[in-house]
């Protein structure tokens, strides 16, 4: 015997399905009335997320390699060239310093004749020194080249008199060294061991 379906249950299922799936006309009217004053919310998309625009992933910059800290050192001072000229070699009797050998030989042999002379023999050392300085300056200013300086021989045991011993130092002093090219012991006719030839520079 076939069992007939229960028409009440079928009808109830249809009615219940309609109520659950779609709202009734009254419900729709109430919803519209409640939402009449509501304003829609605008959703703001970032530029990369708006529809139609591709989304770009942010690129991560490459890592910068670490560098050792730079040490700043003070600049090394460069020494400035000295404006002072190198000192001239000391003059010695009969030895060429600012002269060639040929000229020195002529001076020693008396072939360069003295154009002026000064006799310091018998003076005190201080007076003789001052007199020699003035004599050499005057000789140079008057374009004399070779002069004769008489010192006297002094005591041979003491190496000669004080003026004779001090003459090389006086000639090498700063004021006279720039005036003189060389000096040498005089020939016997001009005083021998008690006199000296002095050759001066030309005046510029």
N, C-alpha and C. Protein backbone atom coordinates (compact mmCIF):
# COMPACT_ATOMS: atom_id res chain seq x y z
N UNK A 1 0.83 -1.17 0.00
CA UNK A 1 0.00 0.00 0.00
C UNK A 1 0.88 1.24 0.00
N UNK A 2 0.61 2.19 -1.00
CA UNK A 2 1.51 3.38 -1.15
C UNK A 2 1.09 4.46 -0.21
N UNK A 3 2.17 5.12 0.48
CA UNK A 3 1.91 6.16 1.47
C UNK A 3 1.85 7.50 0.77
N UNK A 4 0.75 8.24 0.96
CA UNK A 4 0.56 9.53 0.34
C UNK A 4 1.32 10.59 1.12
N UNK A 5 1.93 11.54 0.40
CA UNK A 5 2.65 12.61 1.12
C UNK A 5 1.69 13.48 1.87
N UNK A 6 2.16 14.05 3.00
CA UNK A 6 1.37 14.92 3.87
C UNK A 6 1.35 16.30 3.28
N UNK A 7 0.14 16.74 2.72
CA UNK A 7 0.02 18.04 2.06
C UNK A 7 0.27 19.16 3.03
N UNK A 8 0.00 19.01 4.31
CA UNK A 8 0.21 20.11 5.26
C UNK A 8 1.69 20.38 5.47
N UNK A 9 2.45 19.30 5.52
CA UNK A 9 3.90 19.50 5.70
C UNK A 9 4.53 20.12 4.48
N UNK A 10 4.05 19.71 3.30
CA UNK A 10 4.62 20.31 2.09
C UNK A 10 4.31 21.76 2.01
N UNK A 11 3.05 22.14 2.35
CA UNK A 11 2.68 23.55 2.32
C UNK A 11 3.44 24.35 3.32
N UNK A 12 3.60 23.80 4.50
CA UNK A 12 4.36 24.54 5.52
C UNK A 12 5.80 24.75 5.11
N UNK A 13 6.36 23.74 4.43
CA UNK A 13 7.78 23.90 4.00
C UNK A 13 7.91 25.00 2.98
N UNK A 14 6.95 25.12 2.05
CA UNK A 14 7.02 26.19 1.04
C UNK A 14 6.89 27.54 1.68
N UNK A 15 5.88 27.65 2.62
CA UNK A 15 5.68 28.94 3.27
C UNK A 15 6.92 29.33 4.07
N UNK A 16 7.49 28.35 4.82
CA UNK A 16 8.67 28.66 5.63
C UNK A 16 9.85 29.04 4.77
N UNK A 17 10.00 28.38 3.60
CA UNK A 17 11.13 28.71 2.71
C UNK A 17 10.99 30.10 2.14
N UNK A 18 9.77 30.51 1.84
CA UNK A 18 9.57 31.86 1.27
C UNK A 18 9.88 32.92 2.30
N UNK A 19 9.46 32.62 3.59
CA UNK A 19 9.72 33.63 4.64
C UNK A 19 11.20 33.73 4.93
N UNK A 20 11.95 32.64 4.85
CA UNK A 20 13.38 32.69 5.17
C UNK A 20 14.19 33.24 4.03
N UNK A 21 13.79 33.01 2.77
CA UNK A 21 14.60 33.42 1.61
C UNK A 21 14.39 34.85 1.22
N UNK A 22 13.16 35.36 1.18
CA UNK A 22 12.87 36.72 0.73
C UNK A 22 12.05 37.43 1.79
N UNK A 23 12.30 38.78 2.02
CA UNK A 23 11.50 39.51 3.00
C UNK A 23 10.13 39.80 2.42
N UNK A 24 9.21 39.97 3.27
CA UNK A 24 7.85 40.30 2.85
C UNK A 24 7.78 41.75 2.45
N UNK A 25 6.65 42.14 1.88
CA UNK A 25 6.46 43.53 1.45
C UNK A 25 6.48 44.48 2.62
N UNK A 26 5.94 44.05 3.73
CA UNK A 26 5.96 44.91 4.91
C UNK A 26 7.37 45.11 5.44
N UNK A 27 8.14 44.02 5.42
CA UNK A 27 9.53 44.13 5.90
C UNK A 27 10.35 45.06 5.02
N UNK A 28 10.14 44.96 3.71
CA UNK A 28 10.86 45.85 2.81
C UNK A 28 10.50 47.30 3.03
N UNK A 29 9.21 47.56 3.27
CA UNK A 29 8.76 48.94 3.51
C UNK A 29 9.38 49.48 4.77
N UNK A 30 9.43 48.67 5.82
CA UNK A 30 10.04 49.12 7.07
C UNK A 30 11.54 49.38 6.89
N UNK A 31 12.26 48.53 6.16
CA UNK A 31 13.71 48.69 5.95
C UNK A 31 14.02 49.98 5.19
N UNK A 32 13.18 50.23 4.15
CA UNK A 32 13.40 51.45 3.36
C UNK A 32 13.13 52.71 4.18
N UNK A 33 12.11 52.62 5.03
CA UNK A 33 11.80 53.79 5.87
C UNK A 33 12.92 54.06 6.86
N UNK A 34 13.49 52.98 7.41
CA UNK A 34 14.58 53.15 8.38
C UNK A 34 15.86 53.66 7.72
N UNK A 35 16.11 53.32 6.48
CA UNK A 35 17.36 53.70 5.79
C UNK A 35 17.21 54.94 4.94
N UNK A 36 16.06 55.63 5.07
CA UNK A 36 15.84 56.81 4.20
C UNK A 36 16.86 57.90 4.45
N UNK A 37 17.26 58.14 5.69
CA UNK A 37 18.20 59.22 6.03
C UNK A 37 19.66 58.78 5.99
N UNK A 38 19.91 57.50 5.73
CA UNK A 38 21.31 57.02 5.72
C UNK A 38 22.03 57.45 4.45
N UNK A 39 23.34 57.81 4.59
CA UNK A 39 24.18 58.19 3.45
C UNK A 39 25.18 57.09 3.17
N UNK A 40 25.36 56.83 1.92
CA UNK A 40 26.34 55.75 1.60
C UNK A 40 27.76 56.15 1.98
N UNK A 41 28.55 55.21 2.46
CA UNK A 41 29.95 55.46 2.84
C UNK A 41 30.84 55.26 1.62
N UNK A 42 31.61 56.33 1.33
CA UNK A 42 32.52 56.22 0.19
C UNK A 42 33.78 55.51 0.63
N UNK A 43 34.11 54.50 -0.05
CA UNK A 43 35.34 53.75 0.26
C UNK A 43 36.47 54.28 -0.61
N UNK A 44 37.49 54.72 0.06
CA UNK A 44 38.64 55.28 -0.65
C UNK A 44 39.71 54.21 -0.80
N UNK A 45 40.04 53.96 -2.05
CA UNK A 45 41.07 52.97 -2.35
C UNK A 45 42.40 53.69 -2.57
N UNK A 46 43.48 53.13 -2.10
CA UNK A 46 44.80 53.66 -2.50
C UNK A 46 44.96 53.57 -4.00
N UNK A 47 45.84 54.44 -4.52
CA UNK A 47 46.03 54.49 -5.96
C UNK A 47 46.35 53.12 -6.54
N UNK A 48 47.13 52.35 -5.83
CA UNK A 48 47.54 51.05 -6.35
C UNK A 48 46.44 50.01 -6.24
N UNK A 49 45.36 50.32 -5.39
CA UNK A 49 44.34 49.31 -5.16
C UNK A 49 43.03 49.61 -5.86
N UNK A 50 42.93 50.77 -6.61
CA UNK A 50 41.68 51.07 -7.30
C UNK A 50 41.44 50.05 -8.38
N UNK A 51 40.18 49.78 -8.61
CA UNK A 51 39.87 48.80 -9.66
C UNK A 51 40.41 49.27 -11.00
N UNK A 52 40.98 48.40 -11.70
CA UNK A 52 41.53 48.72 -13.01
C UNK A 52 42.98 49.11 -12.99
N UNK A 53 43.56 49.32 -11.79
CA UNK A 53 44.98 49.67 -11.66
C UNK A 53 45.73 48.49 -11.10
N UNK A 54 46.84 48.13 -11.73
CA UNK A 54 47.61 47.00 -11.18
C UNK A 54 48.25 47.36 -9.87
N UNK A 55 48.35 46.41 -9.02
CA UNK A 55 48.96 46.62 -7.72
C UNK A 55 50.46 46.37 -7.84
N UNK A 56 51.26 47.40 -7.47
CA UNK A 56 52.71 47.28 -7.55
C UNK A 56 53.25 47.07 -6.14
N UNK A 57 54.06 46.10 -6.03
CA UNK A 57 54.70 45.85 -4.75
C UNK A 57 55.86 46.82 -4.58
N UNK A 58 55.99 47.35 -3.39
CA UNK A 58 57.11 48.28 -3.14
C UNK A 58 58.43 47.55 -3.28
N UNK A 59 59.33 48.23 -4.03
CA UNK A 59 60.65 47.62 -4.23
C UNK A 59 61.55 47.93 -3.04
N UNK A 60 62.17 46.92 -2.54
CA UNK A 60 63.10 47.10 -1.43
C UNK A 60 64.45 47.53 -1.97
N UNK A 61 64.96 48.72 -1.54
CA UNK A 61 66.27 49.15 -2.06
C UNK A 61 67.36 48.17 -1.67
N UNK A 62 68.33 48.02 -2.57
CA UNK A 62 69.42 47.09 -2.23
C UNK A 62 70.18 47.53 -1.00
N UNK A 63 70.60 46.60 -0.25
CA UNK A 63 71.33 46.91 0.99
C UNK A 63 72.67 47.53 0.65
N UNK A 64 72.99 48.63 1.31
CA UNK A 64 74.27 49.31 1.11
C UNK A 64 75.33 48.63 1.94
N UNK A 65 76.42 48.20 1.30
CA UNK A 65 77.47 47.53 2.10
C UNK A 65 78.08 48.48 3.10
N UNK A 66 78.37 47.97 4.26
CA UNK A 66 78.98 48.78 5.31
C UNK A 66 80.41 49.12 4.94
N UNK A 67 80.77 50.34 5.20
CA UNK A 67 82.14 50.77 4.92
C UNK A 67 82.82 51.17 6.22
N UNK A 68 84.10 50.95 6.20
CA UNK A 68 84.87 51.34 7.38
C UNK A 68 84.86 52.85 7.51
N UNK A 69 84.77 53.39 8.71
CA UNK A 69 84.77 54.85 8.87
C UNK A 69 86.04 55.46 8.31
N UNK A 70 85.86 56.59 7.63
CA UNK A 70 87.00 57.28 7.01
C UNK A 70 87.69 58.13 8.07
N UNK A 71 88.96 57.93 8.21
CA UNK A 71 89.75 58.70 9.17
C UNK A 71 90.25 59.97 8.48
N UNK A 72 89.94 61.09 9.08
CA UNK A 72 90.38 62.39 8.54
C UNK A 72 91.62 62.81 9.31
N UNK A 73 92.69 62.89 8.61
CA UNK A 73 93.95 63.28 9.24
C UNK A 73 94.31 64.69 8.80
N UNK A 74 94.99 65.38 9.66
CA UNK A 74 95.41 66.75 9.34
C UNK A 74 96.44 66.71 8.22
N UNK A 75 96.34 67.65 7.28
CA UNK A 75 97.33 67.66 6.18
C UNK A 75 98.73 67.89 6.69
N UNK A 76 99.65 67.19 6.09
CA UNK A 76 101.05 67.34 6.48
C UNK A 76 101.59 68.63 5.91
N UNK A 77 102.09 69.44 6.78
CA UNK A 77 102.62 70.73 6.34
C UNK A 77 103.86 70.52 5.48
N UNK A 78 103.82 71.11 4.31
CA UNK A 78 104.96 71.02 3.41
C UNK A 78 105.97 72.09 3.78
N UNK A 79 107.19 71.69 4.09
CA UNK A 79 108.17 72.72 4.47
C UNK A 79 108.45 73.66 3.32
N UNK A 80 108.43 74.93 3.62
CA UNK A 80 108.69 75.93 2.61
C UNK A 80 110.19 76.03 2.35
N UNK A 81 110.56 76.22 1.09
CA UNK A 81 111.98 76.35 0.80
C UNK A 81 112.56 77.58 1.48
N UNK A 82 113.69 77.40 2.05
CA UNK A 82 114.33 78.51 2.74
C UNK A 82 114.78 79.55 1.75
N UNK A 83 114.49 80.82 2.12
CA UNK A 83 114.91 81.91 1.25
C UNK A 83 116.38 82.28 1.44
N UNK A 84 116.99 81.72 2.50
CA UNK A 84 118.39 82.02 2.76
C UNK A 84 119.29 81.17 1.87
N UNK A 85 120.30 81.81 1.34
CA UNK A 85 121.26 81.09 0.52
C UNK A 85 122.18 80.24 1.40
N UNK A 86 122.66 79.17 0.83
CA UNK A 86 123.60 78.33 1.57
C UNK A 86 124.86 79.12 1.87
N UNK A 87 125.40 78.94 3.07
CA UNK A 87 126.59 79.71 3.41
C UNK A 87 127.76 79.37 2.48
N UNK A 88 128.52 80.39 2.16
CA UNK A 88 129.68 80.18 1.29
C UNK A 88 130.78 79.45 2.05
N UNK A 89 131.59 78.67 1.36
CA UNK A 89 132.71 78.00 2.04
C UNK A 89 133.72 79.02 2.56
N UNK A 90 134.33 78.67 3.68
CA UNK A 90 135.28 79.59 4.29
C UNK A 90 136.50 79.79 3.40
N UNK A 91 136.96 81.01 3.35
CA UNK A 91 138.17 81.32 2.59
C UNK A 91 139.40 80.93 3.40
N UNK A 92 140.36 80.34 2.71
CA UNK A 92 141.65 80.01 3.32
C UNK A 92 142.75 80.58 2.45
N UNK A 93 143.80 81.01 3.09
CA UNK A 93 144.89 81.66 2.35
C UNK A 93 145.47 80.71 1.30
N UNK A 94 145.50 81.16 0.05
CA UNK A 94 146.11 80.41 -1.03
C UNK A 94 145.27 79.28 -1.58
N UNK A 95 144.03 79.08 -1.08
CA UNK A 95 143.19 77.98 -1.57
C UNK A 95 141.98 78.54 -2.32
N UNK A 96 141.72 77.98 -3.50
CA UNK A 96 140.59 78.49 -4.27
C UNK A 96 139.25 78.07 -3.66
N UNK A 97 138.38 79.04 -3.44
CA UNK A 97 137.02 78.77 -2.97
C UNK A 97 136.06 79.27 -4.04
N UNK A 98 136.08 80.57 -4.26
CA UNK A 98 135.26 81.15 -5.32
C UNK A 98 136.09 81.45 -6.56
N UNK A 99 137.32 80.95 -6.58
CA UNK A 99 138.23 81.19 -7.70
C UNK A 99 138.63 79.88 -8.36
N UNK A 100 138.97 79.94 -9.63
CA UNK A 100 139.57 78.78 -10.28
C UNK A 100 141.05 78.75 -9.93
N UNK A 101 141.67 77.60 -10.13
CA UNK A 101 143.07 77.43 -9.73
C UNK A 101 144.01 78.38 -10.47
N UNK A 102 143.73 78.62 -11.72
CA UNK A 102 144.62 79.49 -12.50
C UNK A 102 144.64 80.90 -11.93
N UNK A 103 143.47 81.43 -11.58
CA UNK A 103 143.41 82.78 -11.01
C UNK A 103 144.09 82.81 -9.64
N UNK A 104 143.89 81.75 -8.84
CA UNK A 104 144.53 81.71 -7.52
C UNK A 104 146.04 81.65 -7.66
N UNK A 105 146.55 80.91 -8.62
CA UNK A 105 148.00 80.85 -8.84
C UNK A 105 148.55 82.23 -9.20
N UNK A 106 147.82 82.96 -10.02
CA UNK A 106 148.27 84.30 -10.40
C UNK A 106 148.27 85.23 -9.19
N UNK A 107 147.27 85.04 -8.30
CA UNK A 107 147.21 85.88 -7.11
C UNK A 107 148.37 85.57 -6.17
N UNK A 108 148.66 84.29 -5.94
CA UNK A 108 149.73 83.89 -5.03
C UNK A 108 151.11 84.34 -5.55
N UNK A 109 151.28 84.34 -6.86
CA UNK A 109 152.58 84.70 -7.45
C UNK A 109 152.74 86.20 -7.66
N UNK A 110 151.74 86.96 -7.23
CA UNK A 110 151.86 88.41 -7.34
C UNK A 110 151.63 88.94 -8.73
N UNK A 111 151.06 88.15 -9.62
CA UNK A 111 150.84 88.61 -10.99
C UNK A 111 149.61 89.50 -11.11
N UNK A 112 148.75 89.42 -10.11
CA UNK A 112 147.62 90.37 -10.04
C UNK A 112 148.06 91.48 -9.09
N UNK A 113 148.47 92.60 -9.65
CA UNK A 113 149.10 93.65 -8.86
C UNK A 113 148.09 94.43 -8.02
N UNK A 114 148.45 94.71 -6.77
CA UNK A 114 147.56 95.46 -5.88
C UNK A 114 147.32 96.89 -6.40
N UNK A 115 146.08 97.30 -6.34
CA UNK A 115 145.72 98.66 -6.76
C UNK A 115 145.61 99.60 -5.57
N UNK A 116 145.61 99.03 -4.34
CA UNK A 116 145.55 99.85 -3.13
C UNK A 116 146.09 99.02 -1.99
N UNK A 117 146.49 99.67 -0.89
CA UNK A 117 147.02 98.94 0.26
C UNK A 117 146.61 99.61 1.56
N UNK A 118 146.64 98.80 2.64
CA UNK A 118 146.39 99.31 3.98
C UNK A 118 147.38 98.65 4.92
N UNK A 119 147.94 99.46 5.84
CA UNK A 119 148.91 98.95 6.80
C UNK A 119 148.26 98.92 8.18
N UNK A 120 148.01 97.71 8.69
CA UNK A 120 147.38 97.54 10.00
C UNK A 120 148.41 97.29 11.09
N UNK A 121 149.65 97.22 10.72
CA UNK A 121 150.72 96.91 11.67
C UNK A 121 150.81 97.98 12.75
N UNK A 122 150.83 97.55 14.02
CA UNK A 122 150.95 98.47 15.15
C UNK A 122 149.60 98.89 15.72
N UNK A 123 148.47 98.56 15.06
CA UNK A 123 147.15 98.93 15.59
C UNK A 123 146.67 97.89 16.61
N UNK A 124 145.73 98.31 17.44
CA UNK A 124 145.07 97.33 18.29
C UNK A 124 144.15 96.46 17.41
N UNK A 125 143.75 95.32 17.94
CA UNK A 125 142.92 94.40 17.16
C UNK A 125 141.59 95.05 16.77
N UNK A 126 140.95 95.74 17.72
CA UNK A 126 139.65 96.35 17.42
C UNK A 126 139.80 97.45 16.36
N UNK A 127 140.83 98.27 16.52
CA UNK A 127 141.02 99.35 15.54
C UNK A 127 141.37 98.78 14.17
N UNK A 128 142.21 97.75 14.13
CA UNK A 128 142.61 97.15 12.87
C UNK A 128 141.40 96.51 12.16
N UNK A 129 140.55 95.87 12.94
CA UNK A 129 139.35 95.23 12.36
C UNK A 129 138.44 96.27 11.71
N UNK A 130 138.18 97.36 12.43
CA UNK A 130 137.31 98.40 11.90
C UNK A 130 137.94 99.05 10.66
N UNK A 131 139.26 99.28 10.71
CA UNK A 131 139.94 99.91 9.57
C UNK A 131 139.89 99.00 8.34
N UNK A 132 140.05 97.69 8.55
CA UNK A 132 140.00 96.74 7.43
C UNK A 132 138.61 96.73 6.78
N UNK A 133 137.56 96.73 7.59
CA UNK A 133 136.21 96.72 7.04
C UNK A 133 135.95 97.95 6.17
N UNK A 134 136.34 99.10 6.66
CA UNK A 134 136.14 100.33 5.89
C UNK A 134 136.98 100.35 4.62
N UNK A 135 138.19 99.83 4.70
CA UNK A 135 139.09 99.81 3.53
C UNK A 135 138.51 98.91 2.43
N UNK A 136 138.05 97.73 2.80
CA UNK A 136 137.51 96.80 1.80
C UNK A 136 136.22 97.34 1.16
N UNK A 137 135.36 97.96 1.97
CA UNK A 137 134.12 98.53 1.42
C UNK A 137 134.45 99.66 0.44
N UNK A 138 135.42 100.48 0.77
CA UNK A 138 135.79 101.58 -0.12
C UNK A 138 136.43 101.06 -1.41
N UNK A 139 137.28 100.03 -1.28
CA UNK A 139 137.94 99.47 -2.46
C UNK A 139 136.92 98.87 -3.43
N UNK A 140 135.92 98.20 -2.88
CA UNK A 140 134.89 97.60 -3.73
C UNK A 140 134.06 98.67 -4.43
N UNK A 141 133.75 99.74 -3.72
CA UNK A 141 132.93 100.81 -4.30
C UNK A 141 133.66 101.57 -5.39
N UNK A 142 134.98 101.50 -5.39
CA UNK A 142 135.77 102.20 -6.41
C UNK A 142 136.32 101.24 -7.47
N UNK A 143 135.73 100.05 -7.55
CA UNK A 143 136.04 99.05 -8.58
C UNK A 143 137.49 98.56 -8.56
N UNK A 144 138.09 98.50 -7.39
CA UNK A 144 139.42 97.91 -7.29
C UNK A 144 139.28 96.40 -7.14
N UNK A 145 140.17 95.66 -7.82
CA UNK A 145 140.08 94.20 -7.80
C UNK A 145 141.05 93.57 -6.81
N UNK A 146 142.30 94.02 -6.80
CA UNK A 146 143.32 93.41 -5.94
C UNK A 146 143.88 94.47 -5.01
N UNK A 147 143.91 94.13 -3.70
CA UNK A 147 144.46 95.07 -2.71
C UNK A 147 145.46 94.32 -1.84
N UNK A 148 146.30 95.07 -1.16
CA UNK A 148 147.32 94.49 -0.28
C UNK A 148 147.00 94.89 1.15
N UNK A 149 146.95 93.89 2.05
CA UNK A 149 146.68 94.15 3.47
C UNK A 149 147.95 93.77 4.23
N UNK A 150 148.56 94.75 4.90
CA UNK A 150 149.79 94.50 5.67
C UNK A 150 149.41 94.31 7.13
N UNK A 151 149.76 93.15 7.67
CA UNK A 151 149.41 92.81 9.06
C UNK A 151 150.62 92.84 9.98
N UNK A 152 151.82 92.69 9.42
CA UNK A 152 153.01 92.50 10.24
C UNK A 152 153.13 91.03 10.59
N UNK A 153 154.37 90.59 10.83
CA UNK A 153 154.60 89.17 11.11
C UNK A 153 154.30 88.80 12.54
N UNK A 154 154.63 89.65 13.48
CA UNK A 154 154.44 89.33 14.88
C UNK A 154 155.42 88.26 15.33
N UNK A 155 155.15 87.68 16.49
CA UNK A 155 156.02 86.65 17.06
C UNK A 155 155.78 85.32 16.36
N UNK A 156 156.85 84.74 15.84
CA UNK A 156 156.74 83.45 15.18
C UNK A 156 156.38 82.35 16.18
N UNK A 157 156.78 82.48 17.45
CA UNK A 157 156.48 81.47 18.45
C UNK A 157 154.97 81.41 18.73
N UNK A 158 154.31 82.53 18.60
CA UNK A 158 152.88 82.59 18.86
C UNK A 158 152.05 82.43 17.58
N UNK A 159 152.72 82.05 16.49
CA UNK A 159 152.01 81.90 15.23
C UNK A 159 151.75 83.20 14.52
N UNK A 160 152.53 84.21 14.86
CA UNK A 160 152.34 85.53 14.26
C UNK A 160 151.57 86.44 15.20
N UNK A 161 151.55 87.72 14.83
CA UNK A 161 150.84 88.69 15.66
C UNK A 161 149.33 88.46 15.62
N UNK A 162 148.64 89.12 16.54
CA UNK A 162 147.20 88.90 16.67
C UNK A 162 146.45 89.34 15.42
N UNK A 163 146.92 90.42 14.77
CA UNK A 163 146.23 90.89 13.57
C UNK A 163 146.39 89.87 12.45
N UNK A 164 147.61 89.32 12.34
CA UNK A 164 147.85 88.32 11.30
C UNK A 164 147.00 87.07 11.55
N UNK A 165 146.87 86.67 12.82
CA UNK A 165 146.08 85.47 13.15
C UNK A 165 144.58 85.69 12.93
N UNK A 166 144.14 86.91 13.20
CA UNK A 166 142.70 87.19 13.10
C UNK A 166 142.25 87.55 11.67
N UNK A 167 143.19 87.85 10.79
CA UNK A 167 142.80 88.30 9.45
C UNK A 167 141.87 87.31 8.73
N UNK A 168 142.14 85.98 8.69
CA UNK A 168 141.22 85.07 7.99
C UNK A 168 139.79 85.13 8.53
N UNK A 169 139.64 85.25 9.87
CA UNK A 169 138.29 85.35 10.45
C UNK A 169 137.63 86.66 10.05
N UNK A 170 138.38 87.72 9.99
CA UNK A 170 137.80 89.01 9.60
C UNK A 170 137.36 88.99 8.13
N UNK A 171 138.15 88.34 7.30
CA UNK A 171 137.80 88.27 5.88
C UNK A 171 136.58 87.37 5.64
N UNK A 172 136.37 86.39 6.51
CA UNK A 172 135.23 85.47 6.37
C UNK A 172 133.98 85.96 7.09
N UNK A 173 134.07 87.10 7.79
CA UNK A 173 132.90 87.65 8.48
C UNK A 173 131.83 88.03 7.45
N UNK A 174 130.58 88.07 7.92
CA UNK A 174 129.44 88.27 7.01
C UNK A 174 129.59 89.51 6.13
N UNK A 175 130.04 90.61 6.69
CA UNK A 175 130.15 91.83 5.91
C UNK A 175 131.19 91.77 4.82
N UNK A 176 132.29 91.03 5.04
CA UNK A 176 133.38 90.98 4.06
C UNK A 176 133.32 89.78 3.13
N UNK A 177 132.75 88.67 3.59
CA UNK A 177 132.77 87.46 2.77
C UNK A 177 132.09 87.66 1.42
N UNK A 178 131.05 88.49 1.39
CA UNK A 178 130.34 88.73 0.14
C UNK A 178 131.13 89.63 -0.81
N UNK A 179 132.20 90.24 -0.33
CA UNK A 179 133.01 91.13 -1.17
C UNK A 179 134.24 90.45 -1.76
N UNK A 180 134.62 89.32 -1.17
CA UNK A 180 135.94 88.74 -1.46
C UNK A 180 135.82 87.44 -2.23
N UNK A 181 136.75 87.24 -3.19
CA UNK A 181 136.84 86.00 -3.95
C UNK A 181 137.92 85.08 -3.38
N UNK A 182 138.97 85.64 -2.81
CA UNK A 182 140.05 84.83 -2.26
C UNK A 182 141.19 85.73 -1.77
N UNK A 183 142.10 85.09 -1.01
CA UNK A 183 143.29 85.84 -0.56
C UNK A 183 144.45 84.87 -0.45
N UNK A 184 145.66 85.44 -0.47
CA UNK A 184 146.88 84.61 -0.43
C UNK A 184 148.02 85.44 0.15
N UNK A 185 149.00 84.71 0.73
CA UNK A 185 150.17 85.38 1.26
C UNK A 185 150.93 86.13 0.17
N UNK A 186 151.47 87.29 0.53
CA UNK A 186 152.13 88.14 -0.46
C UNK A 186 153.56 87.65 -0.75
N UNK A 187 154.06 88.08 -1.89
CA UNK A 187 155.45 87.81 -2.25
C UNK A 187 156.38 88.66 -1.39
N UNK A 188 157.67 88.25 -1.24
CA UNK A 188 158.61 88.99 -0.39
C UNK A 188 158.69 90.47 -0.74
N UNK A 189 158.59 90.80 -2.01
CA UNK A 189 158.71 92.21 -2.40
C UNK A 189 157.53 93.04 -1.90
N UNK A 190 156.40 92.37 -1.58
CA UNK A 190 155.21 93.09 -1.11
C UNK A 190 154.95 92.89 0.38
N UNK A 191 155.89 92.29 1.10
CA UNK A 191 155.75 92.13 2.55
C UNK A 191 155.88 90.72 3.02
N UNK A 192 155.92 89.75 2.11
CA UNK A 192 156.14 88.36 2.50
C UNK A 192 155.11 87.87 3.49
N UNK A 193 155.61 87.24 4.58
CA UNK A 193 154.73 86.63 5.58
C UNK A 193 153.94 87.62 6.40
N UNK A 194 154.21 88.91 6.24
CA UNK A 194 153.49 89.93 7.02
C UNK A 194 152.46 90.68 6.18
N UNK A 195 152.10 90.15 5.00
CA UNK A 195 151.13 90.83 4.14
C UNK A 195 150.34 89.81 3.32
N UNK A 196 149.20 90.24 2.80
CA UNK A 196 148.32 89.34 2.04
C UNK A 196 147.69 90.10 0.86
N UNK A 197 147.62 89.37 -0.25
CA UNK A 197 146.84 89.86 -1.40
C UNK A 197 145.37 89.47 -1.18
N UNK A 198 144.48 90.39 -1.46
CA UNK A 198 143.04 90.10 -1.35
C UNK A 198 142.39 90.47 -2.69
N UNK A 199 141.70 89.50 -3.28
CA UNK A 199 141.03 89.72 -4.56
C UNK A 199 139.54 89.95 -4.31
N UNK A 200 139.05 91.10 -4.80
CA UNK A 200 137.67 91.49 -4.57
C UNK A 200 136.78 91.13 -5.76
N UNK A 201 135.50 91.02 -5.50
CA UNK A 201 134.54 90.80 -6.58
C UNK A 201 134.34 92.09 -7.36
N UNK A 202 133.84 91.95 -8.56
CA UNK A 202 133.49 93.13 -9.34
C UNK A 202 132.17 93.67 -8.82
N UNK A 203 132.06 94.99 -8.80
CA UNK A 203 130.82 95.61 -8.35
C UNK A 203 129.75 95.43 -9.42
N UNK A 204 128.54 95.08 -9.00
CA UNK A 204 127.45 94.88 -9.94
C UNK A 204 126.68 96.19 -10.15
